[in-house]
Amino acid sequence: MGKSGVGVGGTTIKEMPFSERPYEKLEQYGPQVLSDAELLAIIIRSGTRNDPSVSVARQILQLNPRGLGGIHQLTLEELKEIDGIGRVKSIQIKAIAELSKRLSKLHAMDKVRINSPSTVANIYMEEMRYLEQEHLKIVMLDTKNQITGDSLLSIGTVNASLVNPREVFIHALKQSAVQIILVHNHPSGDPEPSREDIAITNRVKEAGELLGIHLLDHLVIGDGSYISLKERNLC
């Protein structure tokens, strides 16, 4: 297991040749010119006695076939298997990965008008496609079909008997939503809707009609693909 610090003789960014130092490259040319490993090296700050921080960063990126895109899937224990990465650094890496994911989602949501299922899928695909359990979310829209917020309704197998429409619309009413969309993932990667998915959709749709809040769609997210129940005429 790696150590969170570096002992005497450890290689730090400051000990690298000036032209190879990520800090200086970022200051002079901007963050866009740095490689994924160099950006990650800035976060972890120091390497080990034998490996500079950029080399340690490359080892982290190689832990998942998706490289940078797979960092958020790595566990703290997997990160700590890298020499030079201990408790503190592994937590920092996970925190940065989560912040990056949230920033990406906020950017995608910013003043976007929801006019098709693909627009919703583009916002939630990366967040939900790799989840190991089913997550059901409600997405709330205003009169301009812009997202005003979302809320997590349940984690685990999505079951019509466990999803209470009352809980769904408590969130919608708090946000003054006029329309809502349900989004959940299938950990198997296959977005084909189940009977339970269809049953939940119908229950929520019927409850929404009584409250004057329209269920616009229900999306099932798979691994890189999705299915819209509205497009299937099931919503």
Foldseek 3Di string as FASTA:
>chain_A
DADLDEDPQWAFLVNDPPVPRLVNCCVVPNPVVDDQLNVLLVLSGTGYNVDGSSRLSVVLQVLDPVRLLCLLVDDLVSNRVRHNNDDVSSVSSNVVSVVVLVVQLCVLQPPDADDDPVSVCVNCQSVAAQDQWKWKKKFFAAPRNGTQDMDTQDTHDQALVPRDLVVVVVVRVVSVGQEMEMEMEDNVQDADDDPRNLSNVVVNQVVCVVVNYHHPWYWYHGNVDIDICVVVVSD
